[in-house]
Amino acid sequence: MSTRGKETEFRDIVTRLEEIYDSVDGYALSRAERKRMRGAGNYENTEALQYGEIDFNGFLPLLRAAEIKPGDKFVDIGSGTGKAVLLAACCFPLSMSLGVEIMQPLHDAALKSKSEVVKCKPAILKMHESSIKLIHGDSFKLRDDWLNADVLYCPCTCFTDEMMNELTSQLPKLKHGARVITTSRQLELPCLRQLTSLRAKYKRGMLQFFVYKYESPALENIKSKEANATDARASHVGKRQKIDSSQPRNEKKAKSNEIQ
């Protein structure tokens, strides 16, 4: 498909998704749930449950900057109403698009939106519906579901310091080559190479996004050693060839001297 054709397809997908989400108010659902939790005396656990959600047109360039390849696994660890999960599933031929959300009302809204996307005619999904996973739970207790991600979205703007420490302690366990998208907070880990930084439209206002690529120090060291070994072999071969090419001239000169 041509670039123009792909852009038209993306616009059509975004239009369909916006229609599906037109009546979904994640902010209101989150606000009501936090109020319910505080009413039950559960104040501490509401501290980090500040809600935010992507804008489809704003987030699409981030997905493209993450260099998504066919068969990749996309994971959103704070998936809310499922917008990023479904956008990725509709725009790219992933092996899996997975979201983990801790707030039940938001998770329920994500499941409903998924069912609406599945029913779209003509179909807009780039993958089988069974490969879209929406899980209700705590992302930090479900690490095995996202540490094998190829593209990991971490909406960490409102993460507490404790959550950020937990996140950064887990990221070095990602697979080599994994891409990581974060919001607001720039990560400084030796294993993460920043690919780009974009200020993009969010559902409410603008937000700074960062895109990284995980490069395993161990694999990088192996590659470096292999490159050095290759250079050393090439240098040795070059010297050997130089010696070999000089031998005939030296022999010829020696014979000339004998004749004289």
C-alpha atoms as a PDB file:
ATOM      1  CA  MET A   1       0.000   0.000   0.000  1.00  0.00           C
ATOM      2  CA  SER A   2       1.288   3.477  -0.875  1.00  0.00           C
ATOM      3  CA  THR A   3       2.082   6.034   1.813  1.00  0.00           C
ATOM      4  CA  ARG A   4      -0.953   8.074   0.775  1.00  0.00           C
ATOM      5  CA  GLY A   5      -3.156   4.985   0.915  1.00  0.00           C
ATOM      6  CA  LYS A   6      -1.828   4.118   4.390  1.00  0.00           C
ATOM      7  CA  GLU A   7      -2.517   7.629   5.663  1.00  0.00           C
ATOM      8  CA  THR A   8      -6.081   7.445   4.331  1.00  0.00           C
ATOM      9  CA  GLU A   9      -6.557   4.086   6.028  1.00  0.00           C
ATOM     10  CA  PHE A  10      -5.265   5.463   9.348  1.00  0.00           C
ATOM     11  CA  ARG A  11      -7.638   8.438   9.107  1.00  0.00           C
ATOM     12  CA  ASP A  12     -10.580   6.118   8.475  1.00  0.00           C
ATOM     13  CA  ILE A  13      -9.622   3.941  11.457  1.00  0.00           C
ATOM     14  CA  VAL A  14      -9.310   6.947  13.760  1.00  0.00           C
ATOM     15  CA  THR A  15     -12.718   8.237  12.607  1.00  0.00           C
ATOM     16  CA  ARG A  16     -14.349   4.879  13.396  1.00  0.00           C
ATOM     17  CA  LEU A  17     -12.670   4.678  16.812  1.00  0.00           C
ATOM     18  CA  GLU A  18     -13.699   8.222  17.682  1.00  0.00           C
ATOM     19  CA  GLU A  19     -17.299   7.317  16.867  1.00  0.00           C
ATOM     20  CA  ILE A  20     -17.114   4.291  19.171  1.00  0.00           C
ATOM     21  CA  TYR A  21     -15.616   6.318  22.011  1.00  0.00           C
ATOM     22  CA  ASP A  22     -17.874   9.317  21.580  1.00  0.00           C
ATOM     23  CA  SER A  23     -20.088   8.223  24.480  1.00  0.00           C
ATOM     24  CA  VAL A  24     -17.261   6.852  26.675  1.00  0.00           C
ATOM     25  CA  ASP A  25     -16.154   9.296  29.385  1.00  0.00           C
ATOM     26  CA  GLY A  26     -13.144   7.747  31.075  1.00  0.00           C
ATOM     27  CA  TYR A  27     -12.575  10.848  33.186  1.00  0.00           C
ATOM     28  CA  ALA A  28     -16.073  10.627  34.694  1.00  0.00           C
ATOM     29  CA  LEU A  29     -15.718   6.888  35.314  1.00  0.00           C
ATOM     30  CA  SER A  30     -12.376   7.368  37.036  1.00  0.00           C
ATOM     31  CA  ARG A  31     -13.636  10.280  39.120  1.00  0.00           C
ATOM     32  CA  ALA A  32     -16.664   8.290  40.317  1.00  0.00           C
ATOM     33  CA  GLU A  33     -14.531   5.269  41.199  1.00  0.00           C
ATOM     34  CA  ARG A  34     -12.030   7.333  43.185  1.00  0.00           C
ATOM     35  CA  LYS A  35     -14.907   8.963  45.049  1.00  0.00           C
ATOM     36  CA  ARG A  36     -16.339   5.527  45.841  1.00  0.00           C
ATOM     37  CA  MET A  37     -12.957   4.293  47.094  1.00  0.00           C
ATOM     38  CA  ARG A  38     -12.450   7.341  49.303  1.00  0.00           C
ATOM     39  CA  GLY A  39     -15.979   6.910  50.665  1.00  0.00           C
ATOM     40  CA  ALA A  40     -14.977   3.408  51.677  1.00  0.00           C
ATOM     41  CA  GLY A  41     -11.970   4.804  53.523  1.00  0.00           C
ATOM     42  CA  ASN A  42      -9.483   3.712  50.863  1.00  0.00           C
ATOM     43  CA  TYR A  43      -7.647   7.034  50.480  1.00  0.00           C
ATOM     44  CA  GLU A  44      -4.085   5.812  50.052  1.00  0.00           C
ATOM     45  CA  ASN A  45      -4.757   3.716  46.972  1.00  0.00           C
ATOM     46  CA  THR A  46      -6.388   6.630  45.113  1.00  0.00           C
ATOM     47  CA  GLU A  47      -3.208   8.749  45.114  1.00  0.00           C
ATOM     48  CA  ALA A  48      -1.854   7.396  41.832  1.00  0.00           C
ATOM     49  CA  LEU A  49      -5.222   6.819  40.152  1.00  0.00           C
ATOM     50  CA  GLN A  50      -5.321  10.145  38.348  1.00  0.00           C
ATOM     51  CA  TYR A  51      -6.814   9.463  34.947  1.00  0.00           C
ATOM     52  CA  GLY A  52      -5.578  10.534  31.548  1.00  0.00           C
ATOM     53  CA  GLU A  53      -6.158   9.155  28.076  1.00  0.00           C
ATOM     54  CA  ILE A  54      -4.673   9.398  24.641  1.00  0.00           C
ATOM     55  CA  ASP A  55      -5.968  11.288  21.650  1.00  0.00           C
ATOM     56  CA  PHE A  56      -6.004   8.909  18.686  1.00  0.00           C
ATOM     57  CA  ASN A  57      -4.408  11.358  16.247  1.00  0.00           C
ATOM     58  CA  GLY A  58      -1.879  12.404  18.859  1.00  0.00           C
ATOM     59  CA  PHE A  59      -0.817   8.882  19.792  1.00  0.00           C
ATOM     60  CA  LEU A  60      -0.549   7.390  16.315  1.00  0.00           C
ATOM     61  CA  PRO A  61       2.786   9.165  15.536  1.00  0.00           C
ATOM     62  CA  LEU A  62       4.181   7.683  18.771  1.00  0.00           C
ATOM     63  CA  LEU A  63       3.271   4.175  17.648  1.00  0.00           C
ATOM     64  CA  ARG A  64       4.924   4.807  14.316  1.00  0.00           C
ATOM     65  CA  ALA A  65       8.013   6.241  16.021  1.00  0.00           C
ATOM     66  CA  ALA A  66       8.223   2.990  18.000  1.00  0.00           C
ATOM     67  CA  GLU A  67       8.980   1.182  14.723  1.00  0.00           C
ATOM     68  CA  ILE A  68       6.284  -1.472  15.170  1.00  0.00           C
ATOM     69  CA  LYS A  69       6.890  -4.592  13.093  1.00  0.00           C
ATOM     70  CA  PRO A  70       4.449  -7.342  12.043  1.00  0.00           C
ATOM     71  CA  GLY A  71       4.084  -9.855  14.857  1.00  0.00           C
ATOM     72  CA  ASP A  72       5.089  -7.464  17.646  1.00  0.00           C
ATOM     73  CA  LYS A  73       3.376  -7.546  21.038  1.00  0.00           C
ATOM     74  CA  PHE A  74       2.029  -4.201  22.264  1.00  0.00           C
ATOM     75  CA  VAL A  75       1.286  -3.674  25.965  1.00  0.00           C
ATOM     76  CA  ASP A  76      -0.264  -0.726  27.809  1.00  0.00           C
ATOM     77  CA  ILE A  77       0.259  -0.865  31.592  1.00  0.00           C
ATOM     78  CA  GLY A  78      -2.533   1.503  32.569  1.00  0.00           C
ATOM     79  CA  SER A  79      -4.885   0.979  29.673  1.00  0.00           C
ATOM     80  CA  GLY A  80      -7.952   2.799  30.996  1.00  0.00           C
ATOM     81  CA  THR A  81     -10.807   2.446  28.518  1.00  0.00           C
ATOM     82  CA  GLY A  82      -8.549   0.621  26.052  1.00  0.00           C
ATOM     83  CA  LYS A  83      -7.913   3.389  23.536  1.00  0.00           C
ATOM     84  CA  ALA A  84      -4.187   2.757  22.956  1.00  0.00           C
ATOM     85  CA  VAL A  85      -4.666  -1.023  22.879  1.00  0.00           C
ATOM     86  CA  LEU A  86      -7.410  -0.837  20.248  1.00  0.00           C
ATOM     87  CA  LEU A  87      -5.654   1.822  18.169  1.00  0.00           C
ATOM     88  CA  ALA A  88      -2.543  -0.359  17.963  1.00  0.00           C
ATOM     89  CA  ALA A  89      -4.646  -3.432  17.115  1.00  0.00           C
ATOM     90  CA  CYS A  90      -6.445  -1.600  14.309  1.00  0.00           C
ATOM     91  CA  CYS A  91      -3.383   0.009  12.730  1.00  0.00           C
ATOM     92  CA  PHE A  92      -0.714  -2.700  12.953  1.00  0.00           C
ATOM     93  CA  PRO A  93      -0.584  -6.503  12.355  1.00  0.00           C
ATOM     94  CA  LEU A  94       0.448  -7.388  15.906  1.00  0.00           C
ATOM     95  CA  SER A  95       0.639 -10.843  17.446  1.00  0.00           C
ATOM     96  CA  MET A  96      -1.008  -9.405  20.556  1.00  0.00           C
ATOM     97  CA  SER A  97      -2.299  -6.086  21.874  1.00  0.00           C
ATOM     98  CA  LEU A  98      -2.688  -6.200  25.634  1.00  0.00           C
ATOM     99  CA  GLY A  99      -3.892  -3.733  28.259  1.00  0.00           C
ATOM    100  CA  VAL A 100      -3.805  -3.915  32.041  1.00  0.00           C
ATOM    101  CA  GLU A 101      -6.124  -1.634  34.021  1.00  0.00           C
ATOM    102  CA  ILE A 102      -6.593  -1.557  37.798  1.00  0.00           C
ATOM    103  CA  MET A 103      -9.915   0.324  37.942  1.00  0.00           C
ATOM    104  CA  GLN A 104     -12.903  -1.940  37.285  1.00  0.00           C
ATOM    105  CA  PRO A 105     -15.217   0.648  35.642  1.00  0.00           C
ATOM    106  CA  LEU A 106     -12.504   1.629  33.154  1.00  0.00           C
ATOM    107  CA  HIS A 107     -11.755  -2.023  32.420  1.00  0.00           C
ATOM    108  CA  ASP A 108     -15.445  -2.689  31.811  1.00  0.00           C
ATOM    109  CA  ALA A 109     -15.619   0.259  29.411  1.00  0.00           C
ATOM    110  CA  ALA A 110     -12.581  -1.124  27.554  1.00  0.00           C
ATOM    111  CA  LEU A 111     -14.272  -4.512  27.131  1.00  0.00           C
ATOM    112  CA  LYS A 112     -17.391  -2.840  25.757  1.00  0.00           C
ATOM    113  CA  SER A 113     -15.355  -0.742  23.323  1.00  0.00           C
ATOM    114  CA  LYS A 114     -13.485  -3.828  22.152  1.00  0.00           C
ATOM    115  CA  SER A 115     -16.789  -5.548  21.350  1.00  0.00           C
ATOM    116  CA  GLU A 116     -17.848  -2.499  19.322  1.00  0.00           C
ATOM    117  CA  VAL A 117     -14.567  -2.521  17.387  1.00  0.00           C
ATOM    118  CA  VAL A 118     -14.929  -6.231  16.655  1.00  0.00           C
ATOM    119  CA  LYS A 119     -18.412  -5.631  15.206  1.00  0.00           C
ATOM    120  CA  CYS A 120     -17.230  -2.898  12.810  1.00  0.00           C
ATOM    121  CA  LYS A 121     -18.148  -3.502   9.176  1.00  0.00           C
ATOM    122  CA  PRO A 122     -16.009  -3.340   7.162  1.00  0.00           C
ATOM    123  CA  ALA A 123     -13.504  -4.740   9.652  1.00  0.00           C
ATOM    124  CA  ILE A 124     -10.848  -2.362  10.943  1.00  0.00           C
ATOM    125  CA  LEU A 125      -8.830  -4.798  13.081  1.00  0.00           C
ATOM    126  CA  LYS A 126      -5.431  -5.887  11.763  1.00  0.00           C
ATOM    127  CA  MET A 127      -5.385  -8.965  13.994  1.00  0.00           C
ATOM    128  CA  HIS A 128      -7.750 -11.615  15.334  1.00  0.00           C
ATOM    129  CA  GLU A 129      -9.971 -10.404  18.154  1.00  0.00           C
ATOM    130  CA  SER A 130      -8.761 -13.235  20.407  1.00  0.00           C
ATOM    131  CA  SER A 131      -5.296 -11.650  20.387  1.00  0.00           C
ATOM    132  CA  ILE A 132      -6.611  -8.475  22.018  1.00  0.00           C
ATOM    133  CA  LYS A 133      -6.267  -9.021  25.758  1.00  0.00           C
ATOM    134  CA  LEU A 134      -7.749  -6.704  28.366  1.00  0.00           C
ATOM    135  CA  ILE A 135      -6.859  -7.610  31.945  1.00  0.00           C
ATOM    136  CA  HIS A 136      -8.250  -6.173  35.163  1.00  0.00           C
ATOM    137  CA  GLY A 137      -5.440  -5.977  37.707  1.00  0.00           C
ATOM    138  CA  ASP A 138      -2.341  -4.260  39.040  1.00  0.00           C
ATOM    139  CA  SER A 139       0.359  -3.986  36.355  1.00  0.00           C
ATOM    140  CA  PHE A 140       3.145  -4.272  38.898  1.00  0.00           C
ATOM    141  CA  LYS A 141       1.753  -7.602  40.094  1.00  0.00           C
ATOM    142  CA  LEU A 142       1.359  -8.853  36.526  1.00  0.00           C
ATOM    143  CA  ARG A 143       4.897  -8.250  35.260  1.00  0.00           C
ATOM    144  CA  ASP A 144       5.028 -11.521  33.351  1.00  0.00           C
ATOM    145  CA  ASP A 145       2.305 -10.162  31.068  1.00  0.00           C
ATOM    146  CA  TRP A 146       4.385  -7.194  29.920  1.00  0.00           C
ATOM    147  CA  LEU A 147       8.091  -7.897  30.410  1.00  0.00           C
ATOM    148  CA  ASN A 148       8.047  -9.814  27.102  1.00  0.00           C
ATOM    149  CA  ALA A 149       6.507  -6.882  25.204  1.00  0.00           C
ATOM    150  CA  ASP A 150       8.006  -5.616  21.966  1.00  0.00           C
ATOM    151  CA  VAL A 151       6.375  -2.216  22.466  1.00  0.00           C
ATOM    152  CA  LEU A 152       5.540  -1.122  26.019  1.00  0.00           C
ATOM    153  CA  TYR A 153       3.435   1.963  26.745  1.00  0.00           C
ATOM    154  CA  CYS A 154       3.906   3.367  30.255  1.00  0.00           C
ATOM    155  CA  PRO A 155       1.563   6.337  30.914  1.00  0.00           C
ATOM    156  CA  CYS A 156       3.555   7.369  33.984  1.00  0.00           C
ATOM    157  CA  THR A 157       2.719  11.072  34.292  1.00  0.00           C
ATOM    158  CA  CYS A 158       0.965  10.558  37.636  1.00  0.00           C
ATOM    159  CA  PHE A 159       3.044   7.654  38.914  1.00  0.00           C
ATOM    160  CA  THR A 160       4.197   8.047  42.514  1.00  0.00           C
ATOM    161  CA  ASP A 161       7.935   7.903  43.251  1.00  0.00           C
ATOM    162  CA  GLU A 162       7.434   4.371  44.520  1.00  0.00           C
ATOM    163  CA  MET A 163       5.787   3.337  41.252  1.00  0.00           C
ATOM    164  CA  MET A 164       8.526   4.962  39.182  1.00  0.00           C
ATOM    165  CA  ASN A 165      11.184   3.132  41.198  1.00  0.00           C
ATOM    166  CA  GLU A 166       9.351  -0.140  40.615  1.00  0.00           C
ATOM    167  CA  LEU A 167       9.027   0.572  36.905  1.00  0.00           C
ATOM    168  CA  THR A 168      12.685   1.470  36.403  1.00  0.00           C
ATOM    169  CA  SER A 169      13.759  -1.611  38.346  1.00  0.00           C
ATOM    170  CA  GLN A 170      11.802  -3.820  35.924  1.00  0.00           C
ATOM    171  CA  LEU A 171      12.670  -2.205  32.578  1.00  0.00           C
ATOM    172  CA  PRO A 172      16.197  -3.725  32.424  1.00  0.00           C
ATOM    173  CA  LYS A 173      14.441  -7.125  32.256  1.00  0.00           C
ATOM    174  CA  LEU A 174      12.823  -6.345  28.894  1.00  0.00           C
ATOM    175  CA  LYS A 175      13.842  -8.229  25.782  1.00  0.00           C
ATOM    176  CA  HIS A 176      16.608  -6.842  23.588  1.00  0.00           C
ATOM    177  CA  GLY A 177      15.192  -4.424  21.016  1.00  0.00           C
ATOM    178  CA  ALA A 178      11.967  -3.676  22.900  1.00  0.00           C
ATOM    179  CA  ARG A 179      10.616  -0.145  22.507  1.00  0.00           C
ATOM    180  CA  VAL A 180       9.252   1.844  25.448  1.00  0.00           C
ATOM    181  CA  ILE A 181       6.888   4.830  25.265  1.00  0.00           C
ATOM    182  CA  THR A 182       6.529   7.015  28.359  1.00  0.00           C
ATOM    183  CA  THR A 183       4.649  10.197  29.210  1.00  0.00           C
ATOM    184  CA  SER A 184       6.062  13.317  30.874  1.00  0.00           C
ATOM    185  CA  ARG A 185       8.976  11.596  32.622  1.00  0.00           C
ATOM    186  CA  GLN A 186      12.278  11.098  30.880  1.00  0.00           C
ATOM    187  CA  LEU A 187      13.993   7.846  31.816  1.00  0.00           C
ATOM    188  CA  GLU A 188      17.731   7.697  32.360  1.00  0.00           C
ATOM    189  CA  LEU A 189      18.732   4.067  32.203  1.00  0.00           C
ATOM    190  CA  PRO A 190      21.925   2.824  30.495  1.00  0.00           C
ATOM    191  CA  CYS A 191      19.916   0.128  28.698  1.00  0.00           C
ATOM    192  CA  LEU A 192      17.474   2.597  27.100  1.00  0.00           C
ATOM    193  CA  ARG A 193      18.449   4.622  24.037  1.00  0.00           C
ATOM    194  CA  GLN A 194      16.077   7.477  23.320  1.00  0.00           C
ATOM    195  CA  LEU A 195      14.730   7.341  19.776  1.00  0.00           C
ATOM    196  CA  THR A 196      12.663  10.516  19.892  1.00  0.00           C
ATOM    197  CA  SER A 197      10.693  12.915  22.041  1.00  0.00           C
ATOM    198  CA  LEU A 198       7.394  14.379  20.860  1.00  0.00           C
ATOM    199  CA  ARG A 199       4.946  16.840  22.318  1.00  0.00           C
ATOM    200  CA  ALA A 200       1.615  15.433  21.210  1.00  0.00           C
ATOM    201  CA  LYS A 201      -2.079  16.057  21.679  1.00  0.00           C
ATOM    202  CA  TYR A 202      -3.630  14.256  24.642  1.00  0.00           C
ATOM    203  CA  LYS A 203      -7.342  13.948  25.302  1.00  0.00           C
ATOM    204  CA  ARG A 204      -7.054  17.065  27.438  1.00  0.00           C
ATOM    205  CA  GLY A 205      -4.262  19.391  26.394  1.00  0.00           C
ATOM    206  CA  MET A 206      -0.755  18.459  25.251  1.00  0.00           C
ATOM    207  CA  LEU A 207       1.729  16.024  26.747  1.00  0.00           C
ATOM    208  CA  GLN A 208       5.419  15.217  26.310  1.00  0.00           C
ATOM    209  CA  PHE A 209       6.118  11.670  25.134  1.00  0.00           C
ATOM    210  CA  PHE A 210       9.431   9.819  24.993  1.00  0.00           C
ATOM    211  CA  VAL A 211      10.240   6.777  22.865  1.00  0.00           C
ATOM    212  CA  TYR A 212      13.147   4.489  23.776  1.00  0.00           C
ATOM    213  CA  LYS A 213      14.754   1.314  22.501  1.00  0.00           C
ATOM    214  CA  TYR A 214      16.053  -1.280  24.919  1.00  0.00           C
ATOM    215  CA  GLU A 215      19.584  -2.431  24.170  1.00  0.00           C
ATOM    216  CA  SER A 216      20.789  -5.267  26.352  1.00  0.00           C
ATOM    217  CA  PRO A 217      24.246  -4.384  27.752  1.00  0.00           C
ATOM    218  CA  ALA A 218      25.277  -8.038  27.576  1.00  0.00           C
ATOM    219  CA  LEU A 219      24.344  -8.360  23.892  1.00  0.00           C
ATOM    220  CA  GLU A 220      25.924  -5.021  23.075  1.00  0.00           C
ATOM    221  CA  ASN A 221      29.172  -6.182  24.698  1.00  0.00           C
ATOM    222  CA  ILE A 222      29.065  -9.381  22.665  1.00  0.00           C
ATOM    223  CA  LYS A 223      28.477  -7.387  19.457  1.00  0.00           C
ATOM    224  CA  SER A 224      31.334  -5.054  20.355  1.00  0.00           C
ATOM    225  CA  LYS A 225      33.698  -7.972  20.986  1.00  0.00           C
ATOM    226  CA  GLU A 226      32.651  -9.634  17.729  1.00  0.00           C
ATOM    227  CA  ALA A 227      33.233  -6.389  15.832  1.00  0.00           C
ATOM    228  CA  ASN A 228      36.661  -5.983  17.432  1.00  0.00           C
ATOM    229  CA  ALA A 229      37.532  -9.593  16.601  1.00  0.00           C
ATOM    230  CA  THR A 230      36.447  -9.061  12.989  1.00  0.00           C
ATOM    231  CA  ASP A 231      38.572  -5.913  12.760  1.00  0.00           C
ATOM    232  CA  ALA A 232      41.531  -7.761  14.258  1.00  0.00           C
ATOM    233  CA  ARG A 233      41.167 -10.625  11.755  1.00  0.00           C
ATOM    234  CA  ALA A 234      40.898  -8.168   8.862  1.00  0.00           C
ATOM    235  CA  SER A 235      44.001  -6.354  10.071  1.00  0.00           C
ATOM    236  CA  HIS A 236      45.909  -9.633  10.385  1.00  0.00           C
ATOM    237  CA  VAL A 237      44.858 -10.737   6.894  1.00  0.00           C
ATOM    238  CA  GLY A 238      45.898  -7.353   5.509  1.00  0.00           C
ATOM    239  CA  LYS A 239      49.331  -7.610   7.098  1.00  0.00           C
ATOM    240  CA  ARG A 240      49.726 -11.211   5.887  1.00  0.00           C
ATOM    241  CA  GLN A 241      48.832 -10.222   2.335  1.00  0.00           C
ATOM    242  CA  LYS A 242      51.308  -7.357   2.481  1.00  0.00           C
ATOM    243  CA  ILE A 243      54.050  -9.706   3.640  1.00  0.00           C
ATOM    244  CA  ASP A 244      53.175 -12.282   0.979  1.00  0.00           C
ATOM    245  CA  SER A 245      53.137  -9.672  -1.797  1.00  0.00           C
ATOM    246  CA  SER A 246      56.586  -8.393  -0.783  1.00  0.00           C
ATOM    247  CA  GLN A 247      58.221 -11.837  -0.813  1.00  0.00           C
ATOM    248  CA  PRO A 248      58.427 -12.225  -4.644  1.00  0.00           C
ATOM    249  CA  ARG A 249      60.088  -8.804  -4.928  1.00  0.00           C
ATOM    250  CA  ASN A 250      62.621  -9.680  -2.203  1.00  0.00           C
ATOM    251  CA  GLU A 251      63.391 -13.038  -3.845  1.00  0.00           C
ATOM    252  CA  LYS A 252      63.837 -11.351  -7.227  1.00  0.00           C
ATOM    253  CA  LYS A 253      66.186  -8.792  -5.708  1.00  0.00           C
ATOM    254  CA  ALA A 254      68.187 -11.512  -4.002  1.00  0.00           C
ATOM    255  CA  LYS A 255      68.639 -13.441  -7.262  1.00  0.00           C
ATOM    256  CA  SER A 256      69.738 -10.236  -8.994  1.00  0.00           C
ATOM    257  CA  ASN A 257      72.418  -9.730  -6.366  1.00  0.00           C
ATOM    258  CA  GLU A 258      73.668 -13.332  -6.819  1.00  0.00           C
ATOM    259  CA  ILE A 259      74.075 -12.801 -10.568  1.00  0.00           C
ATOM    260  CA  GLN A 260      76.102  -9.668  -9.998  1.00  0.00           C
END
